[in-house]
């Protein structure tokens, strides 16, 4: 638990650093007169949302997959009832776990499009991938911990060594979902941006104002 929160704090440092750089560049452009003040705070808000939403989705995934929280513990405590109980409850909680990220992503995209249109979506996507490298490292920890867990149990009977390997493997199973979640968020952003761009290009080629299309 402490190790996982340590990883989160390291990622928070990355997010704060990237946000400070973006804030400084936007402020410099506003100071030079290249941006209006409304555009300045729009960019700050969009980049902040782009950095935070993937991490909110990761935390949601960990809440539903970690042994430290009640969803997994609830399945474990009721596992004596039957296999059907475990399967149905697991499926139900799995579907429920997608609700929060879906609502968050749709809300962020709608707000971004309302504020800055296409450029806002591009900024949102670039902001959302700013922590991808670090999240990839966290996900890689899951694979390393799982492999180390297998090696330890195959090569030693030392109780403390096995206990530590079990703890690392439990954390690794949780952090492994971080990479999957970030990949899904980035794929959604990329596909959505490409689809909207192609749609706008089609309407523009037809001589229509794609921003006036509704419904």
Protein backbone atom coordinates (compact mmCIF):
# COMPACT_ATOMS: atom_id res chain seq x y z
CA UNK A 1 0.00 0.00 0.00
CA UNK A 2 2.77 2.44 0.96
CA UNK A 3 4.75 1.54 -2.15
CA UNK A 4 1.76 2.17 -4.39
CA UNK A 5 1.15 5.60 -2.88
CA UNK A 6 4.84 6.33 -3.29
CA UNK A 7 4.51 5.59 -7.01
CA UNK A 8 1.45 7.86 -7.14
CA UNK A 9 3.39 10.70 -5.52
CA UNK A 10 6.18 10.30 -8.07
CA UNK A 11 3.63 10.52 -10.85
CA UNK A 12 2.12 13.60 -9.19
CA UNK A 13 5.52 15.27 -9.39
CA UNK A 14 5.62 14.56 -13.14
CA UNK A 15 2.11 15.98 -13.58
CA UNK A 16 2.92 19.14 -11.63
CA UNK A 17 6.15 19.68 -13.59
CA UNK A 18 4.39 19.29 -16.96
CA UNK A 19 1.58 21.56 -15.85
CA UNK A 20 4.00 24.26 -14.71
CA UNK A 21 5.77 24.15 -18.09
CA UNK A 22 2.46 24.41 -19.95
CA UNK A 23 1.34 27.23 -17.67
CA UNK A 24 4.59 29.13 -18.22
CA UNK A 25 4.40 28.78 -22.02
CA UNK A 26 0.73 29.83 -22.13
CA UNK A 27 1.42 32.79 -19.87
CA UNK A 28 4.35 33.86 -22.06
CA UNK A 29 2.18 33.72 -25.18
CA UNK A 30 -0.57 35.69 -23.43
CA UNK A 31 1.99 38.26 -22.24
CA UNK A 32 3.22 38.67 -25.81
CA UNK A 33 -0.33 39.16 -27.03
CA UNK A 34 -0.57 35.93 -29.03
CA UNK A 35 -3.39 34.66 -26.82
CA UNK A 36 -6.46 36.25 -25.36
CA UNK A 37 -6.96 35.81 -21.63
CA UNK A 38 -9.95 33.53 -22.27
CA UNK A 39 -7.78 31.29 -24.43
CA UNK A 40 -5.08 31.33 -21.75
CA UNK A 41 -7.27 29.95 -18.98
CA UNK A 42 -9.01 27.61 -21.43
CA UNK A 43 -5.64 26.05 -22.28
CA UNK A 44 -4.70 25.74 -18.61
CA UNK A 45 -8.03 24.09 -17.78
CA UNK A 46 -7.86 21.69 -20.74
CA UNK A 47 -4.28 20.63 -20.04
CA UNK A 48 -5.13 20.08 -16.38
CA UNK A 49 -8.09 17.91 -17.28
CA UNK A 50 -5.99 16.01 -19.81
CA UNK A 51 -3.44 15.15 -17.15
CA UNK A 52 -5.83 14.30 -14.35
CA UNK A 53 -8.50 12.28 -16.15
CA UNK A 54 -6.23 9.33 -17.06
CA UNK A 55 -5.07 9.12 -13.45
CA UNK A 56 -8.66 9.23 -12.23
CA UNK A 57 -9.41 6.33 -14.57
CA UNK A 58 -6.38 4.42 -13.25
CA UNK A 59 -7.44 4.97 -9.66
CA UNK A 60 -10.94 3.76 -10.55
CA UNK A 61 -9.47 0.60 -12.11
CA UNK A 62 -7.31 -0.05 -9.07
CA UNK A 63 -10.28 0.45 -6.76
CA UNK A 64 -12.12 -2.37 -8.51
CA UNK A 65 -9.11 -4.71 -8.88
CA UNK A 66 -6.97 -4.21 -5.76
CA UNK A 67 -7.26 -6.43 -2.69
CA UNK A 68 -7.07 -3.28 -0.57
CA UNK A 69 -10.62 -2.17 -1.44
CA UNK A 70 -14.06 -3.63 -0.85
CA UNK A 71 -15.03 -4.82 -4.40
CA UNK A 72 -12.41 -7.60 -4.48
CA UNK A 73 -12.76 -8.30 -0.76
CA UNK A 74 -16.52 -8.60 -1.16
CA UNK A 75 -16.08 -11.26 -3.84
CA UNK A 76 -13.57 -13.10 -1.66
CA UNK A 77 -15.82 -13.14 1.42
CA UNK A 78 -18.76 -14.46 -0.61
CA UNK A 79 -16.77 -17.03 -2.57
CA UNK A 80 -17.96 -19.83 -0.26
CA UNK A 81 -21.48 -19.49 -1.66
CA UNK A 82 -20.79 -20.86 -5.14
CA UNK A 83 -18.80 -20.40 -8.32
CA UNK A 84 -21.84 -18.71 -9.86
CA UNK A 85 -21.79 -16.07 -7.12
CA UNK A 86 -18.15 -15.24 -7.83
CA UNK A 87 -18.60 -15.13 -11.61
CA UNK A 88 -21.79 -13.04 -11.59
CA UNK A 89 -20.58 -10.60 -8.95
CA UNK A 90 -17.23 -10.27 -10.73
CA UNK A 91 -18.92 -9.56 -14.05
CA UNK A 92 -21.28 -7.05 -12.44
CA UNK A 93 -18.48 -5.19 -10.73
CA UNK A 94 -16.44 -5.32 -13.93
CA UNK A 95 -19.21 -3.60 -15.89
CA UNK A 96 -19.72 -1.13 -13.04
CA UNK A 97 -16.03 -0.24 -13.08
CA UNK A 98 -16.33 1.15 -16.62
CA UNK A 99 -19.06 3.65 -15.72
CA UNK A 100 -16.88 6.24 -13.99
CA UNK A 101 -14.13 6.44 -16.64
CA UNK A 102 -16.68 6.55 -19.46
CA UNK A 103 -18.58 9.44 -17.88
CA UNK A 104 -15.34 11.28 -17.05
CA UNK A 105 -13.95 10.98 -20.60
CA UNK A 106 -17.20 12.03 -22.28
CA UNK A 107 -17.60 15.00 -19.93
CA UNK A 108 -14.02 16.17 -20.48
CA UNK A 109 -14.31 15.87 -24.26
CA UNK A 110 -17.59 17.83 -24.27
CA UNK A 111 -16.13 20.62 -22.11
CA UNK A 112 -12.99 20.77 -24.24
CA UNK A 113 -14.92 20.93 -27.50
CA UNK A 114 -17.13 23.70 -26.11
CA UNK A 115 -14.15 25.76 -25.03
CA UNK A 116 -11.64 25.40 -27.88
CA UNK A 117 -12.96 23.02 -30.54
CA UNK A 118 -10.41 21.02 -32.53
CA UNK A 119 -7.33 22.67 -31.05
CA UNK A 120 -8.68 21.98 -27.58
CA UNK A 121 -9.06 18.28 -28.39
CA UNK A 122 -5.49 18.15 -29.70
CA UNK A 123 -4.26 19.83 -26.51
CA UNK A 124 -6.33 17.43 -24.42
CA UNK A 125 -4.79 14.42 -26.16
CA UNK A 126 -1.22 15.70 -25.86
CA UNK A 127 -1.77 16.46 -22.18
CA UNK A 128 -3.24 13.03 -21.49
CA UNK A 129 -0.12 11.27 -22.81
CA UNK A 130 2.29 13.36 -20.71
CA UNK A 131 2.27 10.76 -17.95
CA UNK A 132 2.10 7.72 -20.21
CA UNK A 133 5.80 6.91 -19.96
CA UNK A 134 5.75 6.89 -16.18
CA UNK A 135 2.52 4.88 -16.15
CA UNK A 136 4.18 2.42 -18.52
CA UNK A 137 6.99 2.03 -16.01
CA UNK A 138 4.47 1.39 -13.24
CA UNK A 139 2.74 -1.21 -15.40
CA UNK A 140 6.11 -2.85 -16.14
CA UNK A 141 6.63 -3.20 -12.40
CA UNK A 142 3.58 -5.47 -12.43
CA UNK A 143 5.14 -7.82 -14.98
CA UNK A 144 8.50 -7.84 -13.18
CA UNK A 145 6.89 -8.49 -9.79
CA UNK A 146 4.78 -11.35 -11.17
CA UNK A 147 7.79 -13.05 -12.76
CA UNK A 148 9.87 -12.56 -9.61
CA UNK A 149 7.05 -14.06 -7.57
CA UNK A 150 7.13 -17.22 -9.69
CA UNK A 151 10.91 -17.49 -9.49
CA UNK A 152 10.92 -17.08 -5.71
CA UNK A 153 8.31 -19.77 -5.16
CA UNK A 154 10.18 -22.16 -7.46
CA UNK A 155 13.61 -21.64 -5.93
CA UNK A 156 13.21 -21.11 -2.18
CA UNK A 157 11.16 -22.11 0.85
CA UNK A 158 12.27 -19.13 2.93
CA UNK A 159 9.08 -17.78 4.49
CA UNK A 160 10.05 -14.10 4.62
CA UNK A 161 11.25 -14.14 1.01
CA UNK A 162 7.99 -15.73 -0.11
CA UNK A 163 5.98 -13.27 1.95
CA UNK A 164 7.71 -10.31 0.33
CA UNK A 165 7.28 -11.85 -3.11
CA UNK A 166 3.56 -12.28 -2.40
CA UNK A 167 3.24 -8.62 -1.42
CA UNK A 168 5.06 -7.45 -4.55
CA UNK A 169 2.97 -9.74 -6.75
CA UNK A 170 -0.27 -8.45 -5.20
CA UNK A 171 0.83 -4.89 -5.91
CA UNK A 172 2.04 -5.90 -9.37
CA UNK A 173 -1.37 -7.32 -10.26
CA UNK A 174 -2.86 -3.94 -9.40
CA UNK A 175 -0.30 -1.77 -11.17
CA UNK A 176 -0.51 -3.97 -14.26
CA UNK A 177 -3.99 -2.60 -14.87
CA UNK A 178 -2.60 0.95 -14.95
CA UNK A 179 -0.94 0.35 -18.32
CA UNK A 180 -4.11 -1.20 -19.75
CA UNK A 181 -6.22 1.73 -18.56
CA UNK A 182 -3.83 4.37 -19.89
CA UNK A 183 -3.67 2.55 -23.24
CA UNK A 184 -7.47 2.56 -23.45
CA UNK A 185 -7.69 6.27 -22.58
CA UNK A 186 -5.04 7.23 -25.14
CA UNK A 187 -6.65 5.04 -27.80
CA UNK A 188 -10.01 6.69 -27.15
CA UNK A 189 -8.49 10.17 -27.44
CA UNK A 190 -6.59 9.35 -30.64
CA UNK A 191 -9.49 7.61 -32.41
CA UNK A 192 -11.95 10.32 -31.39
CA UNK A 193 -9.68 13.10 -32.63
CA UNK A 194 -9.05 11.36 -35.94
CA UNK A 195 -12.78 10.71 -36.44
CA UNK A 196 -13.73 14.32 -35.69
CA UNK A 197 -10.96 15.65 -37.94
CA UNK A 198 -12.06 13.47 -40.87
CA UNK A 199 -15.67 14.53 -40.32
CA UNK A 200 -14.68 18.19 -40.30
CA UNK A 201 -12.61 17.68 -43.46
CA UNK A 202 -15.56 16.06 -45.20
CA UNK A 203 -17.93 18.90 -44.35
CA UNK A 204 -15.32 21.49 -45.34
CA UNK A 205 -14.83 19.79 -48.71
CA UNK A 206 -18.58 20.03 -49.27
CA UNK A 207 -18.53 23.74 -48.45
CA UNK A 208 -20.41 23.30 -45.17
CA UNK A 209 -19.59 24.72 -41.77
CA UNK A 210 -19.06 21.62 -39.66
CA UNK A 211 -19.35 23.68 -36.44
CA UNK A 212 -22.94 24.55 -37.34
CA UNK A 213 -23.95 20.87 -37.51
CA UNK A 214 -26.01 19.74 -34.53
CA UNK A 215 -28.07 16.72 -33.55
